[in-house]
Structures are given as C-alpha cells and as structure tokens.
Amino acid sequence: MHTASPSDRPNGVQNVEIGDDRDGQRVDNALSALLKGVPRSLIYRLVRKGQVRVNGKRVKPDTRLSKGDTLRVPPVRTAERGAGTPPESRAQELNERVIFEDKHFLAIDKPTGVASHGGSGVDFGVIELLRAARPNESIELVHRLDRDTSGVLVLARSRAGLTGLQALIREGRTTKQYLALLSGRPSRAKFDVNAPLRKFALQGGERMVRVAEDGKPALTFFREVEHYADASLMQVTLDTGRTHQIRVHAAHAGHPLAGDPKYGDKDANQRFKAFGLKRLFLHAAHFEFELDGRAYSFSAPLPDDLREVLDAMPARVAARHRRGKY
C-alpha cells in the first residue's frame, strides 16, 4: 500500500492507494486528513475543478472510497494552507466541552457560533480545534451540525468507530433528537413532515434547500413540549438527515424556526429578538445508537442563552397530547 502523505510533498501530485483504514470514507474527509491544515473550501474547489480523481475519474466530495482505489491528491502550495495553528485558548475551551469519550468516540456539547469544520470564511471549526487540543490523536467528524446549532456532536477516534457509526446513520439506525422553537402554534401537538428535499445554488453561490418532488426523501417528526403566546417548543426527531432538514420542514409546515435568517419569518424573528433571541433556536439535545453490542447515548441540556429566551416569553402552558400529521 502507498502510505505516503501528500502533505509531506506539497509540490507534487500524490497517488494514494486506499487501504482498510479509509475503506468507505468520503473523498472530502480523506483529503481533509491527508492535507492537514488545508481549508475545506480549497478542498471542495480542487474536487470541483477535477484535480482530485479516483481511479482516473472525476468525483464529488461525498464519493465514498473503496479499498484498492487510487486517490489522486493534487499539489497544494504552503501559502494555500490554512490560517495557521488554532489559538490554544479556543482549542482548550472546546476540549473542556467533551461530554463522553472512549477508544472509538468523542462527543462534545458544541456551542453555537462554532462550525463543524473550517472553510467558507471560517478559519477553525470543531475538528481543527480538537485536533489542536489533542495533537497525538486521530479524530474525524462523523456527522455535522450547522454553525448556529448547538448541542451533541459526535467525532470518531478510531476507523472502526467512524465507518461503523456512519453506516448506522446511512441506514437510519440512530436516534437524533433536537429542541426547536417554532413560530406560531401548529394545529396538532404531534405531526410529521414527509417531503423530499433538494439543494439549489442561488446566484452568488449561496446554497438553499427546498421541498421538491425530485429531491431526496426526508422525514421529520415534531412533538410539542411547551407552548407560548406565539411559539411552540418542539422535540424534533429525524428519520433522515438531509441538509437543513428541520429548518425547511418546519417552514414547509407553516411554522419556521425562530431566529432562522434563511428560511424563517422576518417579522416573527423581530418579535423573538425582543425576548433576547440572537441566533437560530435549534439545539441537538440527544443522540443514541448501538454499535457492536454496545449502546451509546449522549445528551446536552438546553444552553443558557436559549433557556433565557424561553423564560422571557409569556404564557407558558403544558403541551397538548393529540396526534396528527401534516
């Protein structure tokens, strides 16, 4: 097996033979590990331009590698690499938010405002900061949370953990639950949204996700936890894990998330702002799965900034117990 790291020879093309350690890994994740310090935005640009190839063919960032494949890794100049070493204080601050770790996984309670990874104007994300805090460990992202979303984020410390959990996610054998504040009050306390989603690129390169007949299947379950004067706190469970799924499905149901600048209601967001809401009200509260006979369950409490918003809102009432469906 060719095990040379492209980062050791930045001025020449590297052809890396994929072994057991990267079997099933996404191309973008493999490149992120091989080209340490290179921002994700550059990695995606290299893939888009066809400079990254597998067995001589162009690929997409989410193409999965197989044992025996040959991955072409283009040269990357030192000047193009990341913005340097993450500040030690930020790295340690994030490291202190670890809520669980064993030989396979590391789970953190991610704060809002921190991206899962660097790129697109973000110098350092969770993965870069944790790698800086733990320089002798191998750490990989298993899944992602949007920058404004707080809560449980799981990372892998072993190849078996990474491929095993990613397979469970693809097969829908994990439980992901969020807390979200929806604008208004849905007609039913329990409902689901089953609507396919498709990504669109707008002028300027901004990505949007919309309900579309030719989109990928997406199913979201909503259950009311508490009701306020003009909002409902919902426990949201994902059956699938599409980009911006909760945000788009909530808006599709007529009750967009509070504080959502992309899919939300501007007038409603102004009202929520008066109660102190400064960001998207979406929190990854719970994540559980079973792998190789062991059950894993991670939880993160609602952070203070969101709890204070709820405390400032009037007319809290108990949740209803009716079932329904959109």
C-alpha atoms as a PDB file:
ATOM      1  CA  MET A   1       0.000   0.000   0.000  1.00  0.00           C
ATOM      2  CA  HIS A   2       1.141   3.528  -0.776  1.00  0.00           C
ATOM      3  CA  THR A   3       1.054   5.235   2.591  1.00  0.00           C
ATOM      4  CA  ALA A   4       2.885   8.485   1.789  1.00  0.00           C
ATOM      5  CA  SER A   5       1.046  11.580   2.965  1.00  0.00           C
ATOM      6  CA  PRO A   6       0.596  14.295   0.316  1.00  0.00           C
ATOM      7  CA  SER A   7       1.309  16.935   2.947  1.00  0.00           C
ATOM      8  CA  ASP A   8       4.886  15.633   3.106  1.00  0.00           C
ATOM      9  CA  ARG A   9       5.442  16.511  -0.563  1.00  0.00           C
ATOM     10  CA  PRO A  10       3.337  19.605  -1.291  1.00  0.00           C
ATOM     11  CA  ASN A  11       4.910  20.335  -4.672  1.00  0.00           C
ATOM     12  CA  GLY A  12       3.964  17.101  -6.454  1.00  0.00           C
ATOM     13  CA  VAL A  13       0.891  15.025  -7.240  1.00  0.00           C
ATOM     14  CA  GLN A  14       0.413  12.047  -4.958  1.00  0.00           C
ATOM     15  CA  ASN A  15      -1.402   8.847  -5.893  1.00  0.00           C
ATOM     16  CA  VAL A  16      -2.553   7.229  -2.675  1.00  0.00           C
ATOM     17  CA  GLU A  17      -3.722   3.632  -2.665  1.00  0.00           C
ATOM     18  CA  ILE A  18      -6.708   3.211  -0.351  1.00  0.00           C
ATOM     19  CA  GLY A  19      -6.331   0.610   2.353  1.00  0.00           C
ATOM     20  CA  ASP A  20      -8.545  -0.733   5.125  1.00  0.00           C
ATOM     21  CA  ASP A  21      -8.165   2.457   7.141  1.00  0.00           C
ATOM     22  CA  ARG A  22     -10.002   4.555   4.527  1.00  0.00           C
ATOM     23  CA  ASP A  23     -12.359   1.970   3.027  1.00  0.00           C
ATOM     24  CA  GLY A  24     -15.802   3.601   2.879  1.00  0.00           C
ATOM     25  CA  GLN A  25     -14.560   7.104   3.748  1.00  0.00           C
ATOM     26  CA  ARG A  26     -15.843  10.151   1.842  1.00  0.00           C
ATOM     27  CA  VAL A  27     -13.377  11.811  -0.518  1.00  0.00           C
ATOM     28  CA  ASP A  28     -13.604  15.197   1.240  1.00  0.00           C
ATOM     29  CA  ASN A  29     -12.933  13.636   4.651  1.00  0.00           C
ATOM     30  CA  ALA A  30      -9.984  11.638   3.317  1.00  0.00           C
ATOM     31  CA  LEU A  31      -8.473  14.763   1.769  1.00  0.00           C
ATOM     32  CA  SER A  32      -9.006  16.716   4.975  1.00  0.00           C
ATOM     33  CA  ALA A  33      -6.993  14.104   6.855  1.00  0.00           C
ATOM     34  CA  LEU A  34      -4.277  13.810   4.192  1.00  0.00           C
ATOM     35  CA  LEU A  35      -3.929  17.545   3.572  1.00  0.00           C
ATOM     36  CA  LYS A  36      -3.721  18.702   7.158  1.00  0.00           C
ATOM     37  CA  GLY A  37      -4.248  22.430   7.533  1.00  0.00           C
ATOM     38  CA  VAL A  38      -5.895  22.893   4.145  1.00  0.00           C
ATOM     39  CA  PRO A  39      -9.293  24.646   4.494  1.00  0.00           C
ATOM     40  CA  ARG A  40     -12.374  22.759   3.365  1.00  0.00           C
ATOM     41  CA  SER A  41     -13.228  25.492   0.897  1.00  0.00           C
ATOM     42  CA  LEU A  42      -9.996  24.772  -1.004  1.00  0.00           C
ATOM     43  CA  ILE A  43     -10.589  21.020  -0.877  1.00  0.00           C
ATOM     44  CA  TYR A  44     -14.055  21.455  -2.398  1.00  0.00           C
ATOM     45  CA  ARG A  45     -12.609  23.745  -5.070  1.00  0.00           C
ATOM     46  CA  LEU A  46      -9.975  21.166  -6.006  1.00  0.00           C
ATOM     47  CA  VAL A  47     -12.646  18.480  -6.298  1.00  0.00           C
ATOM     48  CA  ARG A  48     -14.954  20.729  -8.308  1.00  0.00           C
ATOM     49  CA  LYS A  49     -12.173  21.535 -10.792  1.00  0.00           C
ATOM     50  CA  GLY A  50     -11.434  17.849 -11.337  1.00  0.00           C
ATOM     51  CA  GLN A  51      -7.978  17.943  -9.769  1.00  0.00           C
ATOM     52  CA  VAL A  52      -8.977  15.166  -7.379  1.00  0.00           C
ATOM     53  CA  ARG A  53      -9.660  11.837  -9.054  1.00  0.00           C
ATOM     54  CA  VAL A  54     -10.357   8.257  -8.045  1.00  0.00           C
ATOM     55  CA  ASN A  55      -9.085   5.607 -10.424  1.00  0.00           C
ATOM     56  CA  GLY A  56      -8.628   8.354 -13.002  1.00  0.00           C
ATOM     57  CA  LYS A  57     -12.235   9.590 -12.850  1.00  0.00           C
ATOM     58  CA  ARG A  58     -13.708  12.830 -11.542  1.00  0.00           C
ATOM     59  CA  VAL A  59     -15.563  12.551  -8.252  1.00  0.00           C
ATOM     60  CA  LYS A  60     -17.785  14.519  -5.913  1.00  0.00           C
ATOM     61  CA  PRO A  61     -16.923  15.427  -2.309  1.00  0.00           C
ATOM     62  CA  ASP A  62     -19.308  12.782  -0.962  1.00  0.00           C
ATOM     63  CA  THR A  63     -17.990   9.968  -3.188  1.00  0.00           C
ATOM     64  CA  ARG A  64     -17.011   7.057  -0.973  1.00  0.00           C
ATOM     65  CA  LEU A  65     -13.650   5.362  -1.373  1.00  0.00           C
ATOM     66  CA  SER A  66     -13.121   1.597  -1.541  1.00  0.00           C
ATOM     67  CA  LYS A  67     -10.129  -0.500  -0.614  1.00  0.00           C
ATOM     68  CA  GLY A  68      -7.796  -0.713  -3.603  1.00  0.00           C
ATOM     69  CA  ASP A  69      -8.870   2.619  -5.143  1.00  0.00           C
ATOM     70  CA  THR A  70      -6.196   5.064  -6.235  1.00  0.00           C
ATOM     71  CA  LEU A  71      -6.835   8.596  -4.995  1.00  0.00           C
ATOM     72  CA  ARG A  72      -5.129  11.379  -6.918  1.00  0.00           C
ATOM     73  CA  VAL A  73      -4.196  14.152  -4.479  1.00  0.00           C
ATOM     74  CA  PRO A  74      -3.100  17.354  -6.251  1.00  0.00           C
ATOM     75  CA  PRO A  75      -0.232  19.543  -5.056  1.00  0.00           C
ATOM     76  CA  VAL A  76      -1.202  22.294  -2.625  1.00  0.00           C
ATOM     77  CA  ARG A  77       1.142  25.197  -2.052  1.00  0.00           C
ATOM     78  CA  THR A  78       2.047  26.065   1.510  1.00  0.00           C
ATOM     79  CA  ALA A  79       0.565  29.537   1.038  1.00  0.00           C
ATOM     80  CA  GLU A  80      -2.796  27.972   0.288  1.00  0.00           C
ATOM     81  CA  ARG A  81      -2.908  26.056   3.530  1.00  0.00           C
ATOM     82  CA  GLY A  82      -4.971  27.065   6.487  1.00  0.00           C
ATOM     83  CA  ALA A  83      -4.696  30.171   8.607  1.00  0.00           C
ATOM     84  CA  GLY A  84      -2.137  28.591  10.928  1.00  0.00           C
ATOM     85  CA  THR A  85      -2.446  26.968  14.322  1.00  0.00           C
ATOM     86  CA  PRO A  86      -5.712  27.497  16.200  1.00  0.00           C
ATOM     87  CA  PRO A  87      -5.386  29.613  19.357  1.00  0.00           C
ATOM     88  CA  GLU A  88      -4.588  27.370  22.310  1.00  0.00           C
ATOM     89  CA  SER A  89      -7.247  29.040  24.460  1.00  0.00           C
ATOM     90  CA  ARG A  90     -10.014  28.278  21.949  1.00  0.00           C
ATOM     91  CA  ALA A  91      -8.817  24.710  21.483  1.00  0.00           C
ATOM     92  CA  GLN A  92      -8.776  24.047  25.230  1.00  0.00           C
ATOM     93  CA  GLU A  93     -12.133  25.748  25.729  1.00  0.00           C
ATOM     94  CA  LEU A  94     -13.723  23.380  23.224  1.00  0.00           C
ATOM     95  CA  ASN A  95     -11.875  20.397  24.678  1.00  0.00           C
ATOM     96  CA  GLU A  96     -13.491  21.185  28.033  1.00  0.00           C
ATOM     97  CA  ARG A  97     -16.907  20.673  26.431  1.00  0.00           C
ATOM     98  CA  VAL A  98     -16.286  16.953  25.900  1.00  0.00           C
ATOM     99  CA  ILE A  99     -19.167  15.003  27.453  1.00  0.00           C
ATOM    100  CA  PHE A 100     -18.005  11.473  26.610  1.00  0.00           C
ATOM    101  CA  GLU A 101     -15.015   9.619  25.230  1.00  0.00           C
ATOM    102  CA  ASP A 102     -13.798   6.065  24.793  1.00  0.00           C
ATOM    103  CA  LYS A 103     -11.416   4.434  22.328  1.00  0.00           C
ATOM    104  CA  HIS A 104     -13.889   4.801  19.455  1.00  0.00           C
ATOM    105  CA  PHE A 105     -15.812   8.044  20.037  1.00  0.00           C
ATOM    106  CA  LEU A 106     -15.611  11.521  21.451  1.00  0.00           C
ATOM    107  CA  ALA A 107     -18.819  13.520  21.968  1.00  0.00           C
ATOM    108  CA  ILE A 108     -18.974  17.231  22.731  1.00  0.00           C
ATOM    109  CA  ASP A 109     -21.636  19.768  23.619  1.00  0.00           C
ATOM    110  CA  LYS A 110     -20.906  22.123  20.720  1.00  0.00           C
ATOM    111  CA  PRO A 111     -21.505  25.810  21.423  1.00  0.00           C
ATOM    112  CA  THR A 112     -23.331  27.984  18.933  1.00  0.00           C
ATOM    113  CA  GLY A 113     -21.141  30.025  16.599  1.00  0.00           C
ATOM    114  CA  VAL A 114     -18.573  27.282  16.037  1.00  0.00           C
ATOM    115  CA  ALA A 115     -18.638  25.495  12.685  1.00  0.00           C
ATOM    116  CA  SER A 116     -18.084  21.751  12.466  1.00  0.00           C
ATOM    117  CA  HIS A 117     -15.032  22.393  10.262  1.00  0.00           C
ATOM    118  CA  GLY A 118     -13.134  25.296   8.774  1.00  0.00           C
ATOM    119  CA  GLY A 119     -13.781  26.771   5.329  1.00  0.00           C
ATOM    120  CA  SER A 120     -16.105  29.327   3.700  1.00  0.00           C
ATOM    121  CA  GLY A 121     -14.687  32.194   5.728  1.00  0.00           C
ATOM    122  CA  VAL A 122     -14.223  30.133   8.905  1.00  0.00           C
ATOM    123  CA  ASP A 123     -10.612  29.662   9.970  1.00  0.00           C
ATOM    124  CA  PHE A 124     -11.143  26.949  12.560  1.00  0.00           C
ATOM    125  CA  GLY A 125     -14.018  24.627  13.282  1.00  0.00           C
ATOM    126  CA  VAL A 126     -14.585  21.879  15.838  1.00  0.00           C
ATOM    127  CA  ILE A 127     -12.367  19.361  14.072  1.00  0.00           C
ATOM    128  CA  GLU A 128      -9.394  21.744  13.762  1.00  0.00           C
ATOM    129  CA  LEU A 129      -9.716  22.918  17.363  1.00  0.00           C
ATOM    130  CA  LEU A 130      -9.943  19.414  18.823  1.00  0.00           C
ATOM    131  CA  ARG A 131      -7.003  18.217  16.729  1.00  0.00           C
ATOM    132  CA  ALA A 132      -5.009  21.151  18.086  1.00  0.00           C
ATOM    133  CA  ALA A 133      -6.019  20.284  21.648  1.00  0.00           C
ATOM    134  CA  ARG A 134      -5.211  16.595  21.094  1.00  0.00           C
ATOM    135  CA  PRO A 135      -2.272  16.563  18.656  1.00  0.00           C
ATOM    136  CA  ASN A 136      -1.410  12.908  19.216  1.00  0.00           C
ATOM    137  CA  GLU A 137      -4.884  11.583  18.494  1.00  0.00           C
ATOM    138  CA  SER A 138      -6.667  10.665  15.277  1.00  0.00           C
ATOM    139  CA  ILE A 139     -10.017  12.497  15.262  1.00  0.00           C
ATOM    140  CA  GLU A 140     -12.582  12.572  12.440  1.00  0.00           C
ATOM    141  CA  LEU A 141     -16.021  14.119  12.102  1.00  0.00           C
ATOM    142  CA  VAL A 142     -18.778  11.521  11.961  1.00  0.00           C
ATOM    143  CA  HIS A 143     -21.552  13.999  11.152  1.00  0.00           C
ATOM    144  CA  ARG A 144     -22.044  17.777  11.195  1.00  0.00           C
ATOM    145  CA  LEU A 145     -24.063  20.489  12.876  1.00  0.00           C
ATOM    146  CA  ASP A 146     -24.728  23.901  11.342  1.00  0.00           C
ATOM    147  CA  ARG A 147     -22.591  26.684  12.795  1.00  0.00           C
ATOM    148  CA  ASP A 148     -25.503  28.261  14.700  1.00  0.00           C
ATOM    149  CA  THR A 149     -26.830  24.936  16.019  1.00  0.00           C
ATOM    150  CA  SER A 150     -25.656  23.939  19.496  1.00  0.00           C
ATOM    151  CA  GLY A 151     -25.607  20.528  21.142  1.00  0.00           C
ATOM    152  CA  VAL A 152     -24.370  16.970  20.725  1.00  0.00           C
ATOM    153  CA  LEU A 153     -21.719  16.433  18.061  1.00  0.00           C
ATOM    154  CA  VAL A 154     -20.004  13.040  17.765  1.00  0.00           C
ATOM    155  CA  LEU A 155     -16.478  12.515  16.466  1.00  0.00           C
ATOM    156  CA  ALA A 156     -14.593   9.291  15.863  1.00  0.00           C
ATOM    157  CA  ARG A 157     -11.301   8.324  17.496  1.00  0.00           C
ATOM    158  CA  SER A 158     -10.938   5.099  15.510  1.00  0.00           C
ATOM    159  CA  ARG A 159     -11.542   3.969  11.960  1.00  0.00           C
ATOM    160  CA  ALA A 160     -13.948   1.301  13.207  1.00  0.00           C
ATOM    161  CA  GLY A 161     -15.947   3.914  15.078  1.00  0.00           C
ATOM    162  CA  LEU A 162     -16.070   6.241  12.060  1.00  0.00           C
ATOM    163  CA  THR A 163     -17.175   3.691   9.483  1.00  0.00           C
ATOM    164  CA  GLY A 164     -19.456   1.866  11.900  1.00  0.00           C
ATOM    165  CA  LEU A 165     -21.414   4.927  13.004  1.00  0.00           C
ATOM    166  CA  GLN A 166     -21.561   6.422   9.510  1.00  0.00           C
ATOM    167  CA  ALA A 167     -23.069   3.152   8.281  1.00  0.00           C
ATOM    168  CA  LEU A 168     -25.693   3.304  11.050  1.00  0.00           C
ATOM    169  CA  ILE A 169     -26.542   6.891  10.055  1.00  0.00           C
ATOM    170  CA  ARG A 170     -26.935   5.920   6.387  1.00  0.00           C
ATOM    171  CA  GLU A 171     -29.172   3.018   7.379  1.00  0.00           C
ATOM    172  CA  GLY A 172     -31.318   5.159   9.677  1.00  0.00           C
ATOM    173  CA  ARG A 173     -30.350   3.190  12.773  1.00  0.00           C
ATOM    174  CA  THR A 174     -29.535   6.139  15.034  1.00  0.00           C
ATOM    175  CA  THR A 175     -31.818   8.395  17.065  1.00  0.00           C
ATOM    176  CA  LYS A 176     -31.242  12.148  16.710  1.00  0.00           C
ATOM    177  CA  GLN A 177     -33.482  14.493  18.681  1.00  0.00           C
ATOM    178  CA  TYR A 178     -33.443  18.282  18.720  1.00  0.00           C
ATOM    179  CA  LEU A 179     -35.210  21.060  20.591  1.00  0.00           C
ATOM    180  CA  ALA A 180     -36.545  23.771  18.296  1.00  0.00           C
ATOM    181  CA  LEU A 181     -38.734  26.813  18.829  1.00  0.00           C
ATOM    182  CA  LEU A 182     -41.311  27.128  16.064  1.00  0.00           C
ATOM    183  CA  SER A 183     -43.142  30.323  15.212  1.00  0.00           C
ATOM    184  CA  GLY A 184     -46.875  30.149  15.960  1.00  0.00           C
ATOM    185  CA  ARG A 185     -48.793  27.150  17.190  1.00  0.00           C
ATOM    186  CA  PRO A 186     -49.293  24.122  14.926  1.00  0.00           C
ATOM    187  CA  SER A 187     -52.846  22.798  14.810  1.00  0.00           C
ATOM    188  CA  ARG A 188     -51.708  19.467  16.240  1.00  0.00           C
ATOM    189  CA  ALA A 189     -49.326  18.683  19.078  1.00  0.00           C
ATOM    190  CA  LYS A 190     -47.776  15.777  17.175  1.00  0.00           C
ATOM    191  CA  PHE A 191     -47.227  15.731  13.445  1.00  0.00           C
ATOM    192  CA  ASP A 192     -44.701  14.653  10.877  1.00  0.00           C
ATOM    193  CA  VAL A 193     -43.447  16.207   7.661  1.00  0.00           C
ATOM    194  CA  ASN A 194     -42.642  13.770   4.866  1.00  0.00           C
ATOM    195  CA  ALA A 195     -41.390  15.889   1.981  1.00  0.00           C
ATOM    196  CA  PRO A 196     -38.399  15.334  -0.354  1.00  0.00           C
ATOM    197  CA  LEU A 197     -35.626  17.923  -0.250  1.00  0.00           C
ATOM    198  CA  ARG A 198     -33.313  19.207  -2.960  1.00  0.00           C
ATOM    199  CA  LYS A 199     -30.315  21.546  -2.795  1.00  0.00           C
ATOM    200  CA  PHE A 200     -30.260  24.591  -5.064  1.00  0.00           C
ATOM    201  CA  ALA A 201     -27.482  27.048  -5.816  1.00  0.00           C
ATOM    202  CA  LEU A 202     -28.533  30.685  -5.981  1.00  0.00           C
ATOM    203  CA  GLN A 203     -26.720  33.497  -7.743  1.00  0.00           C
ATOM    204  CA  GLY A 204     -23.571  34.231  -5.814  1.00  0.00           C
ATOM    205  CA  GLY A 205     -23.111  30.580  -4.848  1.00  0.00           C
ATOM    206  CA  GLU A 206     -25.384  30.547  -1.788  1.00  0.00           C
ATOM    207  CA  ARG A 207     -26.959  27.150  -1.172  1.00  0.00           C
ATOM    208  CA  MET A 208     -30.647  26.748  -0.424  1.00  0.00           C
ATOM    209  CA  VAL A 209     -32.701  23.645   0.270  1.00  0.00           C
ATOM    210  CA  ARG A 210     -36.302  23.382  -0.877  1.00  0.00           C
ATOM    211  CA  VAL A 211     -39.104  20.865  -0.943  1.00  0.00           C
ATOM    212  CA  ALA A 212     -39.077  19.364  -4.442  1.00  0.00           C
ATOM    213  CA  GLU A 213     -40.666  16.293  -5.997  1.00  0.00           C
ATOM    214  CA  ASP A 214     -37.330  15.222  -7.461  1.00  0.00           C
ATOM    215  CA  GLY A 215     -35.486  15.710  -4.164  1.00  0.00           C
ATOM    216  CA  LYS A 216     -34.157  13.129  -1.732  1.00  0.00           C
ATOM    217  CA  PRO A 217     -36.641  11.515   0.700  1.00  0.00           C
ATOM    218  CA  ALA A 218     -36.823  13.313   4.050  1.00  0.00           C
ATOM    219  CA  LEU A 219     -38.987  12.618   7.101  1.00  0.00           C
ATOM    220  CA  THR A 220     -39.155  14.654  10.327  1.00  0.00           C
ATOM    221  CA  PHE A 221     -41.269  14.075  13.456  1.00  0.00           C
ATOM    222  CA  PHE A 222     -42.419  17.006  15.628  1.00  0.00           C
ATOM    223  CA  ARG A 223     -43.832  16.747  19.176  1.00  0.00           C
ATOM    224  CA  GLU A 224     -44.850  19.759  21.239  1.00  0.00           C
ATOM    225  CA  VAL A 225     -43.085  20.146  24.588  1.00  0.00           C
ATOM    226  CA  GLU A 226     -44.287  23.614  25.667  1.00  0.00           C
ATOM    227  CA  HIS A 227     -46.441  26.322  24.149  1.00  0.00           C
ATOM    228  CA  TYR A 228     -46.014  30.079  24.450  1.00  0.00           C
ATOM    229  CA  ALA A 229     -48.050  33.071  23.365  1.00  0.00           C
ATOM    230  CA  ASP A 230     -46.962  32.833  19.741  1.00  0.00           C
ATOM    231  CA  ALA A 231     -44.489  29.976  19.605  1.00  0.00           C
ATOM    232  CA  SER A 232     -44.134  26.264  20.326  1.00  0.00           C
ATOM    233  CA  LEU A 233     -41.135  24.471  21.759  1.00  0.00           C
ATOM    234  CA  MET A 234     -40.865  21.181  19.882  1.00  0.00           C
ATOM    235  CA  GLN A 235     -38.915  17.977  20.292  1.00  0.00           C
ATOM    236  CA  VAL A 236     -37.848  17.127  16.749  1.00  0.00           C
ATOM    237  CA  THR A 237     -36.739  13.631  15.735  1.00  0.00           C
ATOM    238  CA  LEU A 238     -35.001  12.972  12.434  1.00  0.00           C
ATOM    239  CA  ASP A 239     -35.761   9.876  10.391  1.00  0.00           C
ATOM    240  CA  THR A 240     -33.353  11.082   7.691  1.00  0.00           C
ATOM    241  CA  GLY A 241     -30.502  13.567   7.917  1.00  0.00           C
ATOM    242  CA  ARG A 242     -30.660  15.958   4.971  1.00  0.00           C
ATOM    243  CA  THR A 243     -29.025  19.377   4.907  1.00  0.00           C
ATOM    244  CA  HIS A 244     -31.197  21.974   6.738  1.00  0.00           C
ATOM    245  CA  GLN A 245     -33.935  19.335   7.040  1.00  0.00           C
ATOM    246  CA  ILE A 246     -35.539  20.586  10.263  1.00  0.00           C
ATOM    247  CA  ARG A 247     -35.448  24.208   9.146  1.00  0.00           C
ATOM    248  CA  VAL A 248     -37.000  23.539   5.732  1.00  0.00           C
ATOM    249  CA  HIS A 249     -39.616  21.089   7.010  1.00  0.00           C
ATOM    250  CA  ALA A 250     -40.690  23.470   9.773  1.00  0.00           C
ATOM    251  CA  ALA A 251     -41.099  26.278   7.248  1.00  0.00           C
ATOM    252  CA  HIS A 252     -42.956  23.901   4.908  1.00  0.00           C
ATOM    253  CA  ALA A 253     -45.383  23.142   7.739  1.00  0.00           C
ATOM    254  CA  GLY A 254     -46.052  26.868   8.089  1.00  0.00           C
ATOM    255  CA  HIS A 255     -44.118  27.310  11.337  1.00  0.00           C
ATOM    256  CA  PRO A 256     -40.497  28.273  10.622  1.00  0.00           C
ATOM    257  CA  LEU A 257     -37.842  28.128  13.308  1.00  0.00           C
ATOM    258  CA  ALA A 258     -37.366  31.158  15.497  1.00  0.00           C
ATOM    259  CA  GLY A 259     -34.309  33.173  14.552  1.00  0.00           C
ATOM    260  CA  ASP A 260     -33.804  31.426  11.201  1.00  0.00           C
ATOM    261  CA  PRO A 261     -32.317  34.044   8.829  1.00  0.00           C
ATOM    262  CA  LYS A 262     -32.586  31.844   5.724  1.00  0.00           C
ATOM    263  CA  TYR A 263     -35.940  30.045   5.929  1.00  0.00           C
ATOM    264  CA  GLY A 264     -37.647  31.973   8.735  1.00  0.00           C
ATOM    265  CA  ASP A 265     -40.200  34.783   9.002  1.00  0.00           C
ATOM    266  CA  LYS A 266     -38.607  38.239   9.334  1.00  0.00           C
ATOM    267  CA  ASP A 267     -41.455  39.768  11.351  1.00  0.00           C
ATOM    268  CA  ALA A 268     -41.561  36.802  13.725  1.00  0.00           C
ATOM    269  CA  ASN A 269     -37.784  36.923  14.121  1.00  0.00           C
ATOM    270  CA  GLN A 270     -38.035  40.561  15.203  1.00  0.00           C
ATOM    271  CA  ARG A 271     -40.547  39.573  17.892  1.00  0.00           C
ATOM    272  CA  PHE A 272     -38.274  36.799  19.140  1.00  0.00           C
ATOM    273  CA  LYS A 273     -35.363  39.213  19.163  1.00  0.00           C
ATOM    274  CA  ALA A 274     -37.276  41.307  21.690  1.00  0.00           C
ATOM    275  CA  PHE A 275     -37.110  38.316  24.065  1.00  0.00           C
ATOM    276  CA  GLY A 276     -33.336  38.137  23.680  1.00  0.00           C
ATOM    277  CA  LEU A 277     -33.015  35.609  20.864  1.00  0.00           C
ATOM    278  CA  LYS A 278     -29.792  36.302  18.982  1.00  0.00           C
ATOM    279  CA  ARG A 279     -29.467  33.158  16.871  1.00  0.00           C
ATOM    280  CA  LEU A 280     -31.258  30.177  15.390  1.00  0.00           C
ATOM    281  CA  PHE A 281     -33.261  28.374  18.080  1.00  0.00           C
ATOM    282  CA  LEU A 282     -32.115  24.835  17.317  1.00  0.00           C
ATOM    283  CA  HIS A 283     -30.313  22.552  19.757  1.00  0.00           C
ATOM    284  CA  ALA A 284     -29.138  18.962  19.233  1.00  0.00           C
ATOM    285  CA  ALA A 285     -30.339  17.541  22.532  1.00  0.00           C
ATOM    286  CA  HIS A 286     -29.901  13.782  22.183  1.00  0.00           C
ATOM    287  CA  PHE A 287     -28.078  11.228  20.033  1.00  0.00           C
ATOM    288  CA  GLU A 288     -28.140   7.478  20.604  1.00  0.00           C
ATOM    289  CA  PHE A 289     -27.157   4.321  18.746  1.00  0.00           C
ATOM    290  CA  GLU A 290     -25.938   0.772  19.279  1.00  0.00           C
ATOM    291  CA  LEU A 291     -22.715  -0.488  17.727  1.00  0.00           C
ATOM    292  CA  ASP A 292     -21.056  -3.881  18.158  1.00  0.00           C
ATOM    293  CA  GLY A 293     -23.340  -4.767  21.050  1.00  0.00           C
ATOM    294  CA  ARG A 294     -22.758  -1.553  22.991  1.00  0.00           C
ATOM    295  CA  ALA A 295     -25.407   1.134  23.468  1.00  0.00           C
ATOM    296  CA  TYR A 296     -24.314   4.777  23.293  1.00  0.00           C
ATOM    297  CA  SER A 297     -26.474   7.675  24.492  1.00  0.00           C
ATOM    298  CA  PHE A 298     -25.366  11.322  24.580  1.00  0.00           C
ATOM    299  CA  SER A 299     -27.399  14.294  25.808  1.00  0.00           C
ATOM    300  CA  ALA A 300     -26.778  18.035  26.113  1.00  0.00           C
ATOM    301  CA  PRO A 301     -29.055  20.368  28.114  1.00  0.00           C
ATOM    302  CA  LEU A 302     -30.595  23.451  26.535  1.00  0.00           C
ATOM    303  CA  PRO A 303     -27.921  26.197  26.781  1.00  0.00           C
ATOM    304  CA  ASP A 304     -28.455  29.257  28.937  1.00  0.00           C
ATOM    305  CA  ASP A 305     -28.975  31.682  26.046  1.00  0.00           C
ATOM    306  CA  LEU A 306     -31.942  29.689  24.728  1.00  0.00           C
ATOM    307  CA  ARG A 307     -33.334  28.947  28.196  1.00  0.00           C
ATOM    308  CA  GLU A 308     -33.306  32.666  28.990  1.00  0.00           C
ATOM    309  CA  VAL A 309     -35.350  33.342  25.841  1.00  0.00           C
ATOM    310  CA  LEU A 310     -37.993  30.855  26.979  1.00  0.00           C
ATOM    311  CA  ASP A 311     -38.035  32.356  30.468  1.00  0.00           C
ATOM    312  CA  ALA A 312     -38.642  35.799  28.965  1.00  0.00           C
ATOM    313  CA  MET A 313     -41.585  34.678  26.828  1.00  0.00           C
ATOM    314  CA  PRO A 314     -45.103  34.938  28.290  1.00  0.00           C
ATOM    315  CA  ALA A 315     -47.891  32.380  28.716  1.00  0.00           C
ATOM    316  CA  ARG A 316     -46.080  29.100  29.074  1.00  0.00           C
ATOM    317  CA  VAL A 317     -48.591  26.222  29.083  1.00  0.00           C
ATOM    318  CA  ALA A 318     -48.390  22.447  29.205  1.00  0.00           C
ATOM    319  CA  ALA A 319     -48.020  20.528  25.976  1.00  0.00           C
ATOM    320  CA  ARG A 320     -51.075  19.017  24.366  1.00  0.00           C
ATOM    321  CA  HIS A 321     -51.361  15.268  23.742  1.00  0.00           C
ATOM    322  CA  ARG A 322     -53.111  14.993  20.412  1.00  0.00           C
ATOM    323  CA  ARG A 323     -51.707  13.171  17.440  1.00  0.00           C
ATOM    324  CA  GLY A 324     -51.645  14.487  13.929  1.00  0.00           C
ATOM    325  CA  LYS A 325     -49.838  14.668  10.616  1.00  0.00           C
ATOM    326  CA  TYR A 326     -49.072  17.271   8.015  1.00  0.00           C
END
